[in-house]
Amino acid sequence: MRGHGENMLRYYERVESEDLRGSMIWNKRFEYPTSTRALIDGKRHYDVGTNEKLPSVTTILQATQSEEKRKKLEEWRKRMGAQYADRVKDIAALRGTSMHTYLEGYIKGERHLDLTSVGKEAGLMAQKVIESGLGDLGEVWGTEVTLYYPGLYAGATDVVGLYGGREAIIDFKQTNKPKQREWIDDYFTQLAAYAMAHNYVYGTQIQSGIILMCSKDGFFQKFEVFDKEFQGYMHTFLKKVDQYYANCTKDKKGQGTKNDQKV
């Protein structure tokens, strides 16, 4: 009954909000594509209307993560117990979705309301991001923007625009507890992947990535990466793309060998 009640409380009320966005302006410089998502062999892919299904940035990152990171995740799951670990993951996903929806609505001049317990928590987190992190967002080119690098990968970033006067990819992140910079290399690599796709398709020169993060207890953090460091993450991701497709080729060859043996 509790779960049913929670669902009844989850709705989004769209109303025109007061303009609390200061100097933030919309500039629809680019025509971003629509996309659909599909799972292929359990991996997320995007169809952006180019007659190809491209693996997502997160799919590539997950498939190429280090053995050390895999072991740490497995150890945490064993230590916590599978059921508890799944619950933590599911609640974090709900909280993240609600926070993102709230923030996207704010940028668009709308207000979204989620009256579930997780939604209320996410709303407070989003408000913290607005107060502490969005003041430098001067120009918005798009929100929840689908980006793709033809033939290689695709994904969706939260905001593209000018942040602190620089062309930037901006992502919102929720977390159970505050992070240290050295823990979030994958986030920076993700931003770099989106920037490369944007630069390739639209001829921009984005060399800046911004992470606006809030923990569930309301602790806000801003992480920025620029220029040479950002280019380093671009190179890192390109290596992962090569690794991903090399592994896919090996898997296909291996599957073909198994099929031949069956015959």
Protein backbone atom coordinates (compact mmCIF):
# COMPACT_ATOMS: atom_id res chain seq x y z
CA MET A 1 0.00 0.00 0.00
CA ARG A 2 2.85 2.35 0.80
CA GLY A 3 4.34 1.95 -2.67
CA HIS A 4 0.93 2.57 -4.25
CA GLY A 5 0.51 5.73 -2.18
CA GLU A 6 3.92 6.95 -3.23
CA ASN A 7 2.97 6.53 -6.88
CA MET A 8 -0.22 8.53 -6.36
CA LEU A 9 1.85 11.37 -4.95
CA ARG A 10 4.29 11.40 -7.85
CA TYR A 11 3.15 13.89 -10.43
CA TYR A 12 4.58 16.98 -12.01
CA GLU A 13 2.74 20.27 -11.97
CA ARG A 14 3.82 22.55 -14.79
CA VAL A 15 3.19 26.20 -14.10
CA GLU A 16 4.85 29.39 -15.17
CA SER A 17 7.33 30.33 -12.48
CA GLU A 18 8.56 33.74 -11.51
CA ASP A 19 11.72 34.62 -13.41
CA LEU A 20 14.31 33.71 -10.81
CA ARG A 21 16.94 33.01 -13.47
CA GLY A 22 18.65 36.38 -13.40
CA SER A 23 20.68 37.06 -16.53
CA MET A 24 20.28 33.53 -17.94
CA ILE A 25 19.11 33.69 -21.55
CA TRP A 26 18.11 31.10 -24.13
CA ASN A 27 19.93 31.06 -27.46
CA LYS A 28 18.86 28.17 -29.68
CA ARG A 29 21.98 28.30 -31.82
CA PHE A 30 21.77 24.69 -32.94
CA GLU A 31 19.12 22.22 -34.05
CA TYR A 32 19.68 19.25 -31.77
CA PRO A 33 18.34 15.84 -32.84
CA THR A 34 15.63 13.85 -31.14
CA SER A 35 16.56 10.30 -30.21
CA THR A 36 15.20 6.98 -29.05
CA ARG A 37 16.98 4.56 -26.76
CA ALA A 38 17.14 0.80 -26.99
CA LEU A 39 18.95 -2.03 -25.25
CA ILE A 40 21.07 -4.23 -27.51
CA ASP A 41 22.60 -7.23 -25.72
CA GLY A 42 21.80 -5.44 -22.47
CA LYS A 43 23.69 -2.28 -23.49
CA ARG A 44 22.08 1.12 -24.04
CA HIS A 45 22.17 2.43 -27.60
CA TYR A 46 20.82 5.59 -29.23
CA ASP A 47 19.03 5.98 -32.53
CA VAL A 48 19.45 9.60 -33.63
CA GLY A 49 17.89 9.19 -37.05
CA THR A 50 21.10 8.33 -38.89
CA ASN A 51 20.16 4.71 -39.62
CA GLU A 52 22.60 3.41 -37.02
CA LYS A 53 22.28 2.49 -33.36
CA LEU A 54 25.18 3.99 -31.45
CA PRO A 55 26.40 2.82 -28.02
CA SER A 56 25.91 5.37 -25.28
CA VAL A 57 28.84 7.11 -23.62
CA THR A 58 28.00 5.42 -20.32
CA THR A 59 27.84 2.02 -22.05
CA ILE A 60 31.38 2.52 -23.36
CA LEU A 61 32.66 3.71 -19.97
CA GLN A 62 31.10 0.77 -18.15
CA ALA A 63 32.38 -1.75 -20.68
CA THR A 64 35.96 -0.44 -20.44
CA GLN A 65 36.26 0.26 -16.73
CA SER A 66 39.36 -1.06 -15.01
CA GLU A 67 39.46 -4.44 -13.33
CA GLU A 68 40.28 -2.67 -10.06
CA LYS A 69 37.09 -0.62 -10.26
CA ARG A 70 35.02 -3.69 -11.11
CA LYS A 71 36.40 -5.52 -8.08
CA LYS A 72 35.66 -2.58 -5.78
CA LEU A 73 32.04 -2.47 -6.96
CA GLU A 74 31.68 -6.22 -6.53
CA GLU A 75 33.20 -6.06 -3.03
CA TRP A 76 30.83 -3.25 -2.03
CA ARG A 77 27.85 -5.22 -3.34
CA LYS A 78 28.90 -8.32 -1.40
CA ARG A 79 29.54 -6.30 1.75
CA MET A 80 26.16 -4.54 1.59
CA GLY A 81 24.19 -7.50 0.32
CA ALA A 82 22.61 -7.69 -3.14
CA GLN A 83 19.12 -6.67 -2.02
CA TYR A 84 20.29 -3.63 -0.09
CA ALA A 85 22.71 -2.60 -2.85
CA ASP A 86 19.91 -2.75 -5.42
CA ARG A 87 17.66 -0.65 -3.20
CA VAL A 88 20.36 2.01 -2.74
CA LYS A 89 20.90 2.09 -6.50
CA ASP A 90 17.16 2.32 -7.28
CA ILE A 91 16.53 5.13 -4.79
CA ALA A 92 19.54 7.06 -6.10
CA ALA A 93 18.21 6.70 -9.65
CA LEU A 94 14.77 8.00 -8.62
CA ARG A 95 16.32 10.89 -6.72
CA GLY A 96 18.56 11.75 -9.66
CA THR A 97 15.70 11.68 -12.16
CA SER A 98 13.56 13.93 -9.99
CA MET A 99 16.40 16.37 -9.36
CA HIS A 100 17.19 16.57 -13.08
CA THR A 101 13.52 17.15 -13.95
CA TYR A 102 13.29 19.93 -11.36
CA LEU A 103 16.44 21.63 -12.68
CA GLU A 104 15.44 21.33 -16.32
CA GLY A 105 12.05 22.83 -15.49
CA TYR A 106 13.70 25.71 -13.65
CA ILE A 107 15.94 26.53 -16.62
CA LYS A 108 12.90 26.46 -18.92
CA GLY A 109 10.94 28.75 -16.60
CA GLU A 110 8.64 26.01 -15.31
CA ARG A 111 8.12 24.47 -11.90
CA HIS A 112 7.93 20.72 -11.37
CA LEU A 113 6.47 19.22 -8.22
CA ASP A 114 7.13 15.71 -6.94
CA LEU A 115 5.43 15.04 -3.61
CA THR A 116 6.99 11.65 -2.91
CA SER A 117 9.53 11.46 -0.09
CA VAL A 118 12.35 10.98 -2.60
CA GLY A 119 10.95 13.78 -4.77
CA LYS A 120 10.87 16.25 -1.88
CA GLU A 121 14.48 15.39 -1.05
CA ALA A 122 15.45 15.84 -4.71
CA GLY A 123 13.67 19.20 -4.83
CA LEU A 124 15.74 20.50 -1.93
CA MET A 125 18.90 19.24 -3.62
CA ALA A 126 17.92 20.93 -6.89
CA GLN A 127 17.28 24.20 -5.06
CA LYS A 128 20.78 24.02 -3.61
CA VAL A 129 22.21 23.57 -7.12
CA ILE A 130 20.17 26.55 -8.34
CA GLU A 131 21.32 28.80 -5.51
CA SER A 132 24.98 27.76 -5.53
CA GLY A 133 25.69 26.62 -9.08
CA LEU A 134 23.50 28.20 -11.73
CA GLY A 135 24.44 31.83 -11.19
CA ASP A 136 27.25 31.50 -13.75
CA LEU A 137 25.00 29.91 -16.40
CA GLY A 138 24.66 32.91 -18.70
CA GLU A 139 23.40 31.35 -21.92
CA VAL A 140 21.53 28.11 -22.62
CA TRP A 141 21.71 26.45 -26.04
CA GLY A 142 19.71 23.41 -24.97
CA THR A 143 18.73 21.13 -22.09
CA GLU A 144 18.72 17.33 -22.06
CA VAL A 145 20.63 17.57 -25.33
CA THR A 146 21.20 14.47 -27.46
CA LEU A 147 24.72 14.49 -28.90
CA TYR A 148 26.41 11.97 -31.16
CA TYR A 149 29.69 11.35 -32.89
CA PRO A 150 28.79 9.73 -36.24
CA GLY A 151 29.66 6.05 -36.35
CA LEU A 152 31.04 5.94 -32.81
CA TYR A 153 28.79 6.92 -29.90
CA ALA A 154 25.92 9.02 -28.59
CA GLY A 155 24.51 10.31 -25.33
CA ALA A 156 22.56 13.07 -23.62
CA THR A 157 23.94 15.90 -21.52
CA ASP A 158 21.96 18.12 -19.17
CA VAL A 159 22.90 21.56 -20.50
CA VAL A 160 24.98 23.04 -23.30
CA GLY A 161 25.71 26.75 -23.28
CA LEU A 162 27.91 29.45 -21.76
CA TYR A 163 29.04 28.98 -18.17
CA GLY A 164 31.24 31.67 -16.70
CA GLY A 165 31.50 33.13 -20.19
CA ARG A 166 32.93 29.91 -21.68
CA GLU A 167 31.31 27.41 -24.02
CA ALA A 168 30.66 24.41 -21.82
CA ILE A 169 29.02 21.05 -21.30
CA ILE A 170 27.20 21.04 -17.94
CA ASP A 171 25.95 17.98 -16.07
CA PHE A 172 23.98 17.71 -12.84
CA LYS A 173 24.88 14.90 -10.45
CA GLN A 174 23.30 13.64 -7.25
CA THR A 175 25.30 11.66 -4.72
CA ASN A 176 24.72 9.88 -1.43
CA LYS A 177 27.78 11.58 0.05
CA PRO A 178 30.25 14.28 -1.07
CA LYS A 179 32.91 13.27 -3.59
CA GLN A 180 36.59 13.99 -3.93
CA ARG A 181 37.78 15.19 -7.32
CA GLU A 182 39.95 12.13 -7.91
CA TRP A 183 36.89 9.88 -7.58
CA ILE A 184 35.01 11.35 -10.54
CA ASP A 185 37.30 10.85 -13.54
CA ASP A 186 34.46 9.07 -15.34
CA TYR A 187 32.28 12.18 -15.02
CA PHE A 188 34.97 14.33 -16.61
CA THR A 189 35.52 11.75 -19.35
CA GLN A 190 31.78 11.75 -20.01
CA LEU A 191 31.76 15.54 -20.42
CA ALA A 192 34.75 15.36 -22.75
CA ALA A 193 32.97 12.78 -24.91
CA TYR A 194 29.93 15.05 -25.25
CA ALA A 195 32.15 18.04 -26.07
CA MET A 196 33.95 16.12 -28.83
CA ALA A 197 30.62 15.10 -30.35
CA HIS A 198 29.32 18.68 -30.21
CA ASN A 199 32.51 20.09 -31.68
CA TYR A 200 32.52 17.56 -34.52
CA VAL A 201 28.86 17.93 -35.55
CA TYR A 202 28.37 21.66 -34.91
CA GLY A 203 31.85 23.09 -35.48
CA THR A 204 32.21 24.50 -31.96
CA GLN A 205 35.36 24.59 -29.84
CA ILE A 206 34.05 23.53 -26.43
CA GLN A 207 36.97 23.04 -24.04
CA SER A 208 35.16 23.23 -20.72
CA GLY A 209 33.14 20.84 -18.59
CA ILE A 210 31.17 21.60 -15.42
CA ILE A 211 29.78 19.18 -12.84
CA LEU A 212 27.19 20.62 -10.44
CA MET A 213 26.67 18.07 -7.68
CA CYS A 214 24.59 17.89 -4.52
CA SER A 215 24.53 15.17 -1.89
CA LYS A 216 21.30 13.99 -0.33
CA ASP A 217 22.14 15.93 2.85
CA GLY A 218 22.38 19.16 0.83
CA PHE A 219 26.14 19.55 0.41
CA PHE A 220 26.85 21.30 -2.92
CA GLN A 221 30.02 20.83 -4.97
CA LYS A 222 31.17 22.32 -8.26
CA PHE A 223 33.87 20.63 -10.30
CA GLU A 224 35.34 22.30 -13.39
CA VAL A 225 37.75 21.02 -16.02
CA PHE A 226 39.28 23.16 -18.77
CA ASP A 227 41.61 23.26 -21.76
CA LYS A 228 44.65 20.90 -21.55
CA GLU A 229 43.17 18.82 -18.73
CA PHE A 230 39.90 18.59 -20.64
CA GLN A 231 41.76 17.56 -23.80
CA GLY A 232 43.41 14.83 -21.75
CA TYR A 233 40.00 13.41 -20.92
CA MET A 234 39.09 13.59 -24.61
CA HIS A 235 42.10 11.42 -25.46
CA THR A 236 41.18 9.06 -22.63
CA PHE A 237 37.71 8.58 -24.04
CA LEU A 238 38.95 8.01 -27.60
CA LYS A 239 41.17 5.21 -26.26
CA LYS A 240 38.14 3.71 -24.54
CA VAL A 241 36.15 3.91 -27.78
CA ASP A 242 38.93 1.97 -29.55
CA GLN A 243 38.97 -0.57 -26.71
CA TYR A 244 35.20 -0.94 -26.78
CA TYR A 245 35.00 -1.67 -30.50
CA ALA A 246 38.04 -3.97 -30.35
CA ASN A 247 36.28 -5.96 -27.60
CA CYS A 248 33.07 -6.05 -29.65
CA THR A 249 35.02 -7.50 -32.59
CA LYS A 250 36.58 -10.16 -30.33
CA ASP A 251 33.17 -11.04 -28.90
CA LYS A 252 31.70 -11.47 -32.38
CA LYS A 253 34.60 -13.67 -33.47
CA GLY A 254 34.26 -15.72 -30.32
CA GLN A 255 30.53 -16.16 -30.87
CA GLY A 256 31.17 -17.21 -34.46
CA THR A 257 33.67 -19.83 -33.31
CA LYS A 258 31.13 -21.24 -30.83
CA ASN A 259 28.49 -21.44 -33.53
CA ASP A 260 30.91 -23.24 -35.86
CA GLN A 261 31.68 -25.75 -33.13
CA LYS A 262 27.99 -26.44 -32.60
CA VAL A 263 27.57 -27.18 -36.30
